[in-house]
Amino acid sequence: MESLDPARFDTPAILKRLASSSCALAELKGVATSIPKGILINTLGLQEAKDSSEIENIVTTHDELFKDEVLPDSFASPAAKEVLRYRQALRVGYEQVRTTGLITSNYLIAIKAELERNNAGFRKLPGTAIKDGAGRTVYLSPQKPAEIVRLMGELERFVNDDALFAADPLIKMALILHQFESIHPFYDGNGRTGRILNVLYLVNQGLLNIPVLYLSTYIVQTKADYYRLLQAARDQNAWEDWVLYILRAVEETARQTLITVNDIKAALLDYKHRIRAGYKFYSQDLINNLFMHPYT
């Protein structure tokens, strides 16, 4: 990534989109502080886990997820259990980043281990080739273990050393995601780990206080564009188009998440007033528990 010139992203289209994306993200950051963070991480994190897993064809329902959370022996599907592991992996990563202020390869390995319930670490076997509709190989991820370790070391430095690439963090986030997806360092779970890396980077850069911006819903809705633009950056040097796609994803997701957070806030107040007016057992802990665990 260091071989790219940061100045190439100073185009009118990118700067305009960057301004609106940053504004939407800042507004979300402010509003998110008005609700207990456990509620947002629990509810929005579960939505992200569901949508991110759906990109990998792991499909379940909100009903099944909320039910399994409070009744873990209720014979939920393997897909539901895998989605719940995603949310736990997000929590693991968040605690590591919050504690150390770093995002390291070892942290990503720990996130991946939580996702897959194994300690396989980085790939030691060749990766899968990406083929086009005619069966031609269009991209081959790094094949040798030593190459994967080297590239992940470079990515770690790129993520943590702001001096290496003088660009806005949202532009860097787009490049980090592309590089991680291209290295494809794990046997499985690369897409989900990369999307967790996204939001952890935003938290680490101070653009969010808690991990509440999740791009998976947008990617699900624009899946063909996502993969097309990933490849176009490799084949045609079309990095600007990829960055614009991610900036648009950030802006639209931030605005939609803002609506969701405000809806949660309104519902919290509604329950608070109704329970306080009509019952003797009101407490703020009760309200928070109802919103953290809808199947209480």
C-alpha atoms as a PDB file:
ATOM      1  CA  MET A   1       0.000   0.000   0.000  1.00  0.00           C
ATOM      2  CA  GLU A   2       2.917   2.343   0.674  1.00  0.00           C
ATOM      3  CA  SER A   3       3.656   2.269  -3.060  1.00  0.00           C
ATOM      4  CA  LEU A   4       0.453   4.216  -3.696  1.00  0.00           C
ATOM      5  CA  ASP A   5       0.760   7.996  -3.651  1.00  0.00           C
ATOM      6  CA  PRO A   6      -1.698   9.452  -1.104  1.00  0.00           C
ATOM      7  CA  ALA A   7      -2.058  12.522  -3.327  1.00  0.00           C
ATOM      8  CA  ARG A   8      -3.819  10.488  -6.006  1.00  0.00           C
ATOM      9  CA  PHE A   9      -6.882  10.376  -3.752  1.00  0.00           C
ATOM     10  CA  ASP A  10      -7.162  14.171  -3.609  1.00  0.00           C
ATOM     11  CA  THR A  11      -9.717  14.209  -6.409  1.00  0.00           C
ATOM     12  CA  PRO A  12     -12.836  16.409  -6.267  1.00  0.00           C
ATOM     13  CA  ALA A  13     -15.113  13.350  -6.183  1.00  0.00           C
ATOM     14  CA  ILE A  14     -13.239  11.679  -3.324  1.00  0.00           C
ATOM     15  CA  LEU A  15     -12.827  14.873  -1.295  1.00  0.00           C
ATOM     16  CA  LYS A  16     -16.531  15.658  -1.633  1.00  0.00           C
ATOM     17  CA  ARG A  17     -17.545  12.153  -0.611  1.00  0.00           C
ATOM     18  CA  LEU A  18     -14.972  12.148   2.195  1.00  0.00           C
ATOM     19  CA  ALA A  19     -16.452  15.338   3.664  1.00  0.00           C
ATOM     20  CA  SER A  20     -19.997  13.970   3.717  1.00  0.00           C
ATOM     21  CA  SER A  21     -18.893  10.547   5.027  1.00  0.00           C
ATOM     22  CA  SER A  22     -16.850  12.119   7.826  1.00  0.00           C
ATOM     23  CA  CYS A  23     -19.763  14.372   8.780  1.00  0.00           C
ATOM     24  CA  ALA A  24     -22.198  11.442   8.976  1.00  0.00           C
ATOM     25  CA  LEU A  25     -19.711   9.421  11.018  1.00  0.00           C
ATOM     26  CA  ALA A  26     -19.113  12.285  13.453  1.00  0.00           C
ATOM     27  CA  GLU A  27     -22.863  12.701  13.966  1.00  0.00           C
ATOM     28  CA  LEU A  28     -23.226   8.992  14.670  1.00  0.00           C
ATOM     29  CA  LYS A  29     -20.339   9.095  17.145  1.00  0.00           C
ATOM     30  CA  GLY A  30     -22.040  11.886  19.064  1.00  0.00           C
ATOM     31  CA  VAL A  31     -25.494  10.316  19.235  1.00  0.00           C
ATOM     32  CA  ALA A  32     -24.131   6.872  20.154  1.00  0.00           C
ATOM     33  CA  THR A  33     -22.816   8.263  23.442  1.00  0.00           C
ATOM     34  CA  SER A  34     -26.398   8.961  24.615  1.00  0.00           C
ATOM     35  CA  ILE A  35     -27.244   5.245  24.973  1.00  0.00           C
ATOM     36  CA  PRO A  36     -25.511   2.675  27.220  1.00  0.00           C
ATOM     37  CA  LYS A  37     -22.797   1.173  25.044  1.00  0.00           C
ATOM     38  CA  GLY A  38     -23.701  -2.392  26.014  1.00  0.00           C
ATOM     39  CA  ILE A  39     -27.110  -1.991  24.391  1.00  0.00           C
ATOM     40  CA  LEU A  40     -25.668  -0.719  21.117  1.00  0.00           C
ATOM     41  CA  ILE A  41     -22.882  -3.285  20.951  1.00  0.00           C
ATOM     42  CA  ASN A  42     -25.332  -6.061  21.734  1.00  0.00           C
ATOM     43  CA  THR A  43     -28.078  -5.054  19.301  1.00  0.00           C
ATOM     44  CA  LEU A  44     -26.136  -3.490  16.420  1.00  0.00           C
ATOM     45  CA  GLY A  45     -23.348  -6.020  16.852  1.00  0.00           C
ATOM     46  CA  LEU A  46     -25.828  -8.835  16.420  1.00  0.00           C
ATOM     47  CA  GLN A  47     -27.202  -7.209  13.249  1.00  0.00           C
ATOM     48  CA  GLU A  48     -23.667  -6.931  11.896  1.00  0.00           C
ATOM     49  CA  ALA A  49     -22.887 -10.522  12.796  1.00  0.00           C
ATOM     50  CA  LYS A  50     -25.979 -11.679  10.933  1.00  0.00           C
ATOM     51  CA  ASP A  51     -25.332  -9.621   7.789  1.00  0.00           C
ATOM     52  CA  SER A  52     -21.580 -10.222   7.679  1.00  0.00           C
ATOM     53  CA  SER A  53     -22.149 -13.963   7.948  1.00  0.00           C
ATOM     54  CA  GLU A  54     -24.831 -13.812   5.267  1.00  0.00           C
ATOM     55  CA  ILE A  55     -22.208 -12.569   2.788  1.00  0.00           C
ATOM     56  CA  GLU A  56     -20.473 -15.915   3.399  1.00  0.00           C
ATOM     57  CA  ASN A  57     -23.780 -17.791   2.910  1.00  0.00           C
ATOM     58  CA  ILE A  58     -24.267 -18.385   6.644  1.00  0.00           C
ATOM     59  CA  VAL A  59     -27.940 -17.511   6.987  1.00  0.00           C
ATOM     60  CA  THR A  60     -30.139 -17.334  10.084  1.00  0.00           C
ATOM     61  CA  THR A  61     -32.892 -15.106  11.561  1.00  0.00           C
ATOM     62  CA  HIS A  62     -32.978 -12.438  14.268  1.00  0.00           C
ATOM     63  CA  ASP A  63     -35.554 -14.477  16.141  1.00  0.00           C
ATOM     64  CA  GLU A  64     -33.266 -17.495  16.317  1.00  0.00           C
ATOM     65  CA  LEU A  65     -30.276 -15.382  17.363  1.00  0.00           C
ATOM     66  CA  PHE A  66     -32.018 -13.572  20.214  1.00  0.00           C
ATOM     67  CA  LYS A  67     -33.587 -16.800  21.421  1.00  0.00           C
ATOM     68  CA  ASP A  68     -30.316 -18.722  21.428  1.00  0.00           C
ATOM     69  CA  GLU A  69     -28.600 -15.954  23.365  1.00  0.00           C
ATOM     70  CA  VAL A  70     -30.800 -16.490  26.443  1.00  0.00           C
ATOM     71  CA  LEU A  71     -31.575 -20.161  25.828  1.00  0.00           C
ATOM     72  CA  PRO A  72     -28.249 -21.542  24.543  1.00  0.00           C
ATOM     73  CA  ASP A  73     -29.466 -25.124  24.771  1.00  0.00           C
ATOM     74  CA  SER A  74     -32.539 -24.485  22.638  1.00  0.00           C
ATOM     75  CA  PHE A  75     -31.141 -26.467  19.697  1.00  0.00           C
ATOM     76  CA  ALA A  76     -30.390 -23.414  17.558  1.00  0.00           C
ATOM     77  CA  SER A  77     -29.037 -24.069  14.090  1.00  0.00           C
ATOM     78  CA  PRO A  78     -25.274 -24.273  13.449  1.00  0.00           C
ATOM     79  CA  ALA A  79     -25.630 -21.034  11.444  1.00  0.00           C
ATOM     80  CA  ALA A  80     -27.075 -19.180  14.445  1.00  0.00           C
ATOM     81  CA  LYS A  81     -24.268 -20.386  16.693  1.00  0.00           C
ATOM     82  CA  GLU A  82     -21.685 -19.313  14.119  1.00  0.00           C
ATOM     83  CA  VAL A  83     -23.234 -15.839  13.882  1.00  0.00           C
ATOM     84  CA  LEU A  84     -23.167 -15.468  17.672  1.00  0.00           C
ATOM     85  CA  ARG A  85     -19.464 -16.398  17.604  1.00  0.00           C
ATOM     86  CA  TYR A  86     -18.950 -13.470  15.218  1.00  0.00           C
ATOM     87  CA  ARG A  87     -20.328 -11.035  17.760  1.00  0.00           C
ATOM     88  CA  GLN A  88     -18.102 -12.529  20.437  1.00  0.00           C
ATOM     89  CA  ALA A  89     -15.097 -12.186  18.114  1.00  0.00           C
ATOM     90  CA  LEU A  90     -15.977  -8.516  17.649  1.00  0.00           C
ATOM     91  CA  ARG A  91     -16.021  -8.052  21.418  1.00  0.00           C
ATOM     92  CA  VAL A  92     -12.639  -9.750  21.768  1.00  0.00           C
ATOM     93  CA  GLY A  93     -11.131  -7.453  19.153  1.00  0.00           C
ATOM     94  CA  TYR A  94     -12.719  -4.348  20.682  1.00  0.00           C
ATOM     95  CA  GLU A  95     -11.309  -5.086  24.127  1.00  0.00           C
ATOM     96  CA  GLN A  96      -7.830  -5.685  22.693  1.00  0.00           C
ATOM     97  CA  VAL A  97      -7.838  -2.447  20.707  1.00  0.00           C
ATOM     98  CA  ARG A  98      -9.283  -0.423  23.575  1.00  0.00           C
ATOM     99  CA  THR A  99      -6.646  -1.765  25.958  1.00  0.00           C
ATOM    100  CA  THR A 100      -3.545  -1.391  23.784  1.00  0.00           C
ATOM    101  CA  GLY A 101      -4.418   1.120  21.061  1.00  0.00           C
ATOM    102  CA  LEU A 102      -3.006  -1.275  18.461  1.00  0.00           C
ATOM    103  CA  ILE A 103      -4.338  -3.658  15.821  1.00  0.00           C
ATOM    104  CA  THR A 104      -1.819  -6.449  15.364  1.00  0.00           C
ATOM    105  CA  SER A 105      -1.611  -9.678  13.386  1.00  0.00           C
ATOM    106  CA  ASN A 106      -1.856 -11.603  16.641  1.00  0.00           C
ATOM    107  CA  TYR A 107      -5.079  -9.785  17.490  1.00  0.00           C
ATOM    108  CA  LEU A 108      -6.512 -10.720  14.103  1.00  0.00           C
ATOM    109  CA  ILE A 109      -5.489 -14.329  14.707  1.00  0.00           C
ATOM    110  CA  ALA A 110      -7.311 -14.209  18.069  1.00  0.00           C
ATOM    111  CA  ILE A 111     -10.416 -12.763  16.392  1.00  0.00           C
ATOM    112  CA  LYS A 112     -10.297 -15.473  13.751  1.00  0.00           C
ATOM    113  CA  ALA A 113      -9.829 -18.162  16.429  1.00  0.00           C
ATOM    114  CA  GLU A 114     -12.979 -16.897  18.187  1.00  0.00           C
ATOM    115  CA  LEU A 115     -14.882 -16.976  14.883  1.00  0.00           C
ATOM    116  CA  GLU A 116     -13.878 -20.478  13.884  1.00  0.00           C
ATOM    117  CA  ARG A 117     -13.204 -22.053  17.292  1.00  0.00           C
ATOM    118  CA  ASN A 118      -9.765 -23.218  16.202  1.00  0.00           C
ATOM    119  CA  ASN A 119      -6.157 -22.088  16.464  1.00  0.00           C
ATOM    120  CA  ALA A 120      -5.118 -22.736  12.878  1.00  0.00           C
ATOM    121  CA  GLY A 121      -3.526 -19.295  12.492  1.00  0.00           C
ATOM    122  CA  PHE A 122      -2.338 -18.101   9.092  1.00  0.00           C
ATOM    123  CA  ARG A 123      -2.665 -20.339   6.065  1.00  0.00           C
ATOM    124  CA  LYS A 124       0.095 -22.870   5.501  1.00  0.00           C
ATOM    125  CA  LEU A 125      -1.468 -24.244   2.313  1.00  0.00           C
ATOM    126  CA  PRO A 126      -2.146 -22.570  -1.053  1.00  0.00           C
ATOM    127  CA  GLY A 127      -5.212 -20.324  -1.215  1.00  0.00           C
ATOM    128  CA  THR A 128      -8.197 -20.636  -3.515  1.00  0.00           C
ATOM    129  CA  ALA A 129      -7.938 -19.076  -6.962  1.00  0.00           C
ATOM    130  CA  ILE A 130     -10.659 -16.615  -7.996  1.00  0.00           C
ATOM    131  CA  LYS A 131     -12.028 -17.437 -11.436  1.00  0.00           C
ATOM    132  CA  ASP A 132     -14.199 -15.526 -13.880  1.00  0.00           C
ATOM    133  CA  GLY A 133     -17.317 -16.813 -15.638  1.00  0.00           C
ATOM    134  CA  ALA A 134     -15.188 -18.535 -18.270  1.00  0.00           C
ATOM    135  CA  GLY A 135     -13.169 -20.435 -15.686  1.00  0.00           C
ATOM    136  CA  ARG A 136     -10.038 -18.292 -16.090  1.00  0.00           C
ATOM    137  CA  THR A 137      -8.053 -17.474 -12.948  1.00  0.00           C
ATOM    138  CA  VAL A 138      -8.274 -13.727 -12.366  1.00  0.00           C
ATOM    139  CA  TYR A 139      -6.621 -13.581  -8.954  1.00  0.00           C
ATOM    140  CA  LEU A 140      -4.438 -15.893  -6.897  1.00  0.00           C
ATOM    141  CA  SER A 141      -3.818 -14.942  -3.276  1.00  0.00           C
ATOM    142  CA  PRO A 142      -0.309 -15.416  -1.823  1.00  0.00           C
ATOM    143  CA  GLN A 143       0.509 -19.102  -1.791  1.00  0.00           C
ATOM    144  CA  LYS A 144       3.569 -19.455   0.454  1.00  0.00           C
ATOM    145  CA  PRO A 145       3.322 -19.257   4.267  1.00  0.00           C
ATOM    146  CA  ALA A 146       6.388 -17.013   4.531  1.00  0.00           C
ATOM    147  CA  GLU A 147       4.874 -14.600   2.016  1.00  0.00           C
ATOM    148  CA  ILE A 148       1.637 -14.410   4.008  1.00  0.00           C
ATOM    149  CA  VAL A 149       3.550 -13.661   7.221  1.00  0.00           C
ATOM    150  CA  ARG A 150       5.604 -10.964   5.460  1.00  0.00           C
ATOM    151  CA  LEU A 151       2.579  -9.283   3.910  1.00  0.00           C
ATOM    152  CA  MET A 152       0.633  -9.343   7.166  1.00  0.00           C
ATOM    153  CA  GLY A 153       3.615  -7.757   8.907  1.00  0.00           C
ATOM    154  CA  GLU A 154       3.591  -4.971   6.325  1.00  0.00           C
ATOM    155  CA  LEU A 155      -0.149  -4.533   6.729  1.00  0.00           C
ATOM    156  CA  GLU A 156       0.241  -4.335  10.516  1.00  0.00           C
ATOM    157  CA  ARG A 157       2.751  -1.502  10.128  1.00  0.00           C
ATOM    158  CA  PHE A 158       0.484   0.256   7.639  1.00  0.00           C
ATOM    159  CA  VAL A 159      -2.455   0.036  10.050  1.00  0.00           C
ATOM    160  CA  ASN A 160      -0.610   1.281  13.128  1.00  0.00           C
ATOM    161  CA  ASP A 161       1.904   3.800  11.776  1.00  0.00           C
ATOM    162  CA  ASP A 162       0.069   6.889  10.540  1.00  0.00           C
ATOM    163  CA  ALA A 163       3.306   8.363   9.206  1.00  0.00           C
ATOM    164  CA  LEU A 164       3.596   5.654   6.552  1.00  0.00           C
ATOM    165  CA  PHE A 165       0.667   6.978   4.533  1.00  0.00           C
ATOM    166  CA  ALA A 166      -0.486  10.575   4.913  1.00  0.00           C
ATOM    167  CA  ALA A 167      -4.141  10.132   4.044  1.00  0.00           C
ATOM    168  CA  ASP A 168      -7.489  10.451   5.804  1.00  0.00           C
ATOM    169  CA  PRO A 169      -8.259   7.398   8.003  1.00  0.00           C
ATOM    170  CA  LEU A 170     -11.362   6.566   5.927  1.00  0.00           C
ATOM    171  CA  ILE A 171      -9.217   6.328   2.790  1.00  0.00           C
ATOM    172  CA  LYS A 172      -6.713   4.197   4.679  1.00  0.00           C
ATOM    173  CA  MET A 173      -9.530   1.960   5.935  1.00  0.00           C
ATOM    174  CA  ALA A 174     -10.561   1.244   2.345  1.00  0.00           C
ATOM    175  CA  LEU A 175      -6.993   0.314   1.425  1.00  0.00           C
ATOM    176  CA  ILE A 176      -6.524  -1.812   4.552  1.00  0.00           C
ATOM    177  CA  LEU A 177      -9.662  -3.808   3.769  1.00  0.00           C
ATOM    178  CA  HIS A 178      -8.547  -4.361   0.170  1.00  0.00           C
ATOM    179  CA  GLN A 179      -5.094  -5.502   1.217  1.00  0.00           C
ATOM    180  CA  PHE A 180      -6.436  -7.868   3.872  1.00  0.00           C
ATOM    181  CA  GLU A 181      -8.906  -9.407   1.418  1.00  0.00           C
ATOM    182  CA  SER A 182      -6.129  -9.787  -1.157  1.00  0.00           C
ATOM    183  CA  ILE A 183      -3.738 -11.497   1.263  1.00  0.00           C
ATOM    184  CA  HIS A 184      -6.558 -13.808   2.412  1.00  0.00           C
ATOM    185  CA  PRO A 185      -4.383 -14.987   5.302  1.00  0.00           C
ATOM    186  CA  PHE A 186      -6.719 -17.549   6.849  1.00  0.00           C
ATOM    187  CA  TYR A 187      -8.200 -20.825   5.676  1.00  0.00           C
ATOM    188  CA  ASP A 188     -11.704 -19.487   6.323  1.00  0.00           C
ATOM    189  CA  GLY A 189     -13.393 -16.449   7.827  1.00  0.00           C
ATOM    190  CA  ASN A 190     -11.322 -13.868   5.942  1.00  0.00           C
ATOM    191  CA  GLY A 191     -14.294 -11.745   4.891  1.00  0.00           C
ATOM    192  CA  ARG A 192     -15.763 -11.617   8.382  1.00  0.00           C
ATOM    193  CA  THR A 193     -12.394 -10.912  10.007  1.00  0.00           C
ATOM    194  CA  GLY A 194     -11.760  -8.126   7.491  1.00  0.00           C
ATOM    195  CA  ARG A 195     -15.081  -6.476   8.284  1.00  0.00           C
ATOM    196  CA  ILE A 196     -14.297  -6.608  12.019  1.00  0.00           C
ATOM    197  CA  LEU A 197     -10.918  -5.056  11.206  1.00  0.00           C
ATOM    198  CA  ASN A 198     -12.816  -2.206   9.489  1.00  0.00           C
ATOM    199  CA  VAL A 199     -14.738  -1.061  12.529  1.00  0.00           C
ATOM    200  CA  LEU A 200     -11.859  -1.658  14.942  1.00  0.00           C
ATOM    201  CA  TYR A 201      -9.724   0.663  12.825  1.00  0.00           C
ATOM    202  CA  LEU A 202     -12.381   3.388  13.072  1.00  0.00           C
ATOM    203  CA  VAL A 203     -12.424   3.008  16.863  1.00  0.00           C
ATOM    204  CA  ASN A 204      -8.634   3.020  17.024  1.00  0.00           C
ATOM    205  CA  GLN A 205      -8.517   6.234  14.981  1.00  0.00           C
ATOM    206  CA  GLY A 206     -10.986   7.935  17.311  1.00  0.00           C
ATOM    207  CA  LEU A 207     -13.689   8.240  14.644  1.00  0.00           C
ATOM    208  CA  LEU A 208     -15.969   6.148  16.869  1.00  0.00           C
ATOM    209  CA  ASN A 209     -15.930   5.477  20.609  1.00  0.00           C
ATOM    210  CA  ILE A 210     -17.555   2.078  20.304  1.00  0.00           C
ATOM    211  CA  PRO A 211     -17.860  -0.301  17.329  1.00  0.00           C
ATOM    212  CA  VAL A 212     -21.281   0.631  15.929  1.00  0.00           C
ATOM    213  CA  LEU A 213     -20.641   1.228  12.212  1.00  0.00           C
ATOM    214  CA  TYR A 214     -21.000  -2.000  10.279  1.00  0.00           C
ATOM    215  CA  LEU A 215     -20.747  -2.099   6.501  1.00  0.00           C
ATOM    216  CA  SER A 216     -22.054  -5.618   5.955  1.00  0.00           C
ATOM    217  CA  THR A 217     -25.654  -4.592   5.214  1.00  0.00           C
ATOM    218  CA  TYR A 218     -24.427  -2.251   2.481  1.00  0.00           C
ATOM    219  CA  ILE A 219     -22.088  -4.928   1.092  1.00  0.00           C
ATOM    220  CA  VAL A 220     -24.915  -7.489   1.050  1.00  0.00           C
ATOM    221  CA  GLN A 221     -27.018  -5.050  -0.978  1.00  0.00           C
ATOM    222  CA  THR A 222     -24.167  -4.242  -3.406  1.00  0.00           C
ATOM    223  CA  LYS A 223     -22.321  -7.562  -3.416  1.00  0.00           C
ATOM    224  CA  ALA A 224     -21.647  -7.572  -7.180  1.00  0.00           C
ATOM    225  CA  ASP A 225     -20.102  -4.079  -7.030  1.00  0.00           C
ATOM    226  CA  TYR A 226     -18.014  -5.058  -4.011  1.00  0.00           C
ATOM    227  CA  TYR A 227     -16.295  -7.950  -5.781  1.00  0.00           C
ATOM    228  CA  ARG A 228     -16.082  -6.139  -9.119  1.00  0.00           C
ATOM    229  CA  LEU A 229     -14.338  -3.136  -7.599  1.00  0.00           C
ATOM    230  CA  LEU A 230     -12.008  -5.303  -5.511  1.00  0.00           C
ATOM    231  CA  GLN A 231     -10.796  -6.893  -8.721  1.00  0.00           C
ATOM    232  CA  ALA A 232     -10.720  -3.656 -10.729  1.00  0.00           C
ATOM    233  CA  ALA A 233      -8.274  -2.154  -8.233  1.00  0.00           C
ATOM    234  CA  ARG A 234      -5.968  -5.140  -8.825  1.00  0.00           C
ATOM    235  CA  ASP A 235      -6.346  -5.365 -12.606  1.00  0.00           C
ATOM    236  CA  GLN A 236      -6.890  -1.774 -13.688  1.00  0.00           C
ATOM    237  CA  ASN A 237      -5.292   0.245 -10.880  1.00  0.00           C
ATOM    238  CA  ALA A 238      -8.792   1.634 -10.214  1.00  0.00           C
ATOM    239  CA  TRP A 239      -8.117   2.499  -6.587  1.00  0.00           C
ATOM    240  CA  GLU A 240     -10.178   5.668  -6.679  1.00  0.00           C
ATOM    241  CA  ASP A 241     -13.320   3.726  -7.591  1.00  0.00           C
ATOM    242  CA  TRP A 242     -12.734   1.309  -4.706  1.00  0.00           C
ATOM    243  CA  VAL A 243     -12.194   4.145  -2.229  1.00  0.00           C
ATOM    244  CA  LEU A 244     -15.341   5.918  -3.443  1.00  0.00           C
ATOM    245  CA  TYR A 245     -17.330   2.717  -2.950  1.00  0.00           C
ATOM    246  CA  ILE A 246     -16.137   2.359   0.658  1.00  0.00           C
ATOM    247  CA  LEU A 247     -16.723   6.048   1.427  1.00  0.00           C
ATOM    248  CA  ARG A 248     -20.255   5.749   0.081  1.00  0.00           C
ATOM    249  CA  ALA A 249     -20.732   2.632   2.209  1.00  0.00           C
ATOM    250  CA  VAL A 250     -19.555   4.520   5.303  1.00  0.00           C
ATOM    251  CA  GLU A 251     -21.857   7.488   4.680  1.00  0.00           C
ATOM    252  CA  GLU A 252     -24.989   5.496   3.906  1.00  0.00           C
ATOM    253  CA  THR A 253     -24.366   3.074   6.765  1.00  0.00           C
ATOM    254  CA  ALA A 254     -23.696   5.896   9.232  1.00  0.00           C
ATOM    255  CA  ARG A 255     -26.926   7.666   8.279  1.00  0.00           C
ATOM    256  CA  GLN A 256     -28.971   4.474   8.533  1.00  0.00           C
ATOM    257  CA  THR A 257     -27.334   3.557  11.846  1.00  0.00           C
ATOM    258  CA  LEU A 258     -28.119   7.047  13.134  1.00  0.00           C
ATOM    259  CA  ILE A 259     -31.804   6.421  12.441  1.00  0.00           C
ATOM    260  CA  THR A 260     -31.594   3.069  14.234  1.00  0.00           C
ATOM    261  CA  VAL A 261     -29.827   4.559  17.269  1.00  0.00           C
ATOM    262  CA  ASN A 262     -32.413   7.337  17.539  1.00  0.00           C
ATOM    263  CA  ASP A 263     -35.203   4.750  17.267  1.00  0.00           C
ATOM    264  CA  ILE A 264     -33.618   2.729  20.080  1.00  0.00           C
ATOM    265  CA  LYS A 265     -33.300   5.897  22.156  1.00  0.00           C
ATOM    266  CA  ALA A 266     -36.964   6.758  21.610  1.00  0.00           C
ATOM    267  CA  ALA A 267     -38.052   3.220  22.486  1.00  0.00           C
ATOM    268  CA  LEU A 268     -35.947   3.306  25.666  1.00  0.00           C
ATOM    269  CA  LEU A 269     -37.685   6.492  26.800  1.00  0.00           C
ATOM    270  CA  ASP A 270     -41.113   5.118  25.886  1.00  0.00           C
ATOM    271  CA  TYR A 271     -40.613   1.939  27.950  1.00  0.00           C
ATOM    272  CA  LYS A 272     -39.155   3.967  30.804  1.00  0.00           C
ATOM    273  CA  HIS A 273     -42.172   6.299  31.018  1.00  0.00           C
ATOM    274  CA  ARG A 274     -44.776   3.543  30.589  1.00  0.00           C
ATOM    275  CA  ILE A 275     -43.261   1.200  33.179  1.00  0.00           C
ATOM    276  CA  ARG A 276     -42.620   4.012  35.648  1.00  0.00           C
ATOM    277  CA  ALA A 277     -46.231   5.247  35.294  1.00  0.00           C
ATOM    278  CA  GLY A 278     -47.961   1.900  35.505  1.00  0.00           C
ATOM    279  CA  TYR A 279     -45.885  -0.447  37.678  1.00  0.00           C
ATOM    280  CA  LYS A 280     -43.993  -0.503  40.977  1.00  0.00           C
ATOM    281  CA  PHE A 281     -41.059  -2.576  39.741  1.00  0.00           C
ATOM    282  CA  TYR A 282     -39.420   0.130  37.593  1.00  0.00           C
ATOM    283  CA  SER A 283     -35.616   0.318  37.535  1.00  0.00           C
ATOM    284  CA  GLN A 284     -33.105   1.498  34.949  1.00  0.00           C
ATOM    285  CA  ASP A 285     -31.357  -1.876  35.162  1.00  0.00           C
ATOM    286  CA  LEU A 286     -34.599  -3.540  34.083  1.00  0.00           C
ATOM    287  CA  ILE A 287     -34.931  -1.225  31.073  1.00  0.00           C
ATOM    288  CA  ASN A 288     -31.325  -1.791  30.030  1.00  0.00           C
ATOM    289  CA  ASN A 289     -31.695  -5.552  30.372  1.00  0.00           C
ATOM    290  CA  LEU A 290     -34.825  -5.602  28.222  1.00  0.00           C
ATOM    291  CA  PHE A 291     -32.995  -3.790  25.431  1.00  0.00           C
ATOM    292  CA  MET A 292     -29.789  -5.800  25.714  1.00  0.00           C
ATOM    293  CA  HIS A 293     -31.666  -9.113  25.800  1.00  0.00           C
ATOM    294  CA  PRO A 294     -35.031  -8.822  23.980  1.00  0.00           C
ATOM    295  CA  TYR A 295     -35.921 -12.410  24.933  1.00  0.00           C
ATOM    296  CA  THR A 296     -35.577 -11.720  28.689  1.00  0.00           C
END
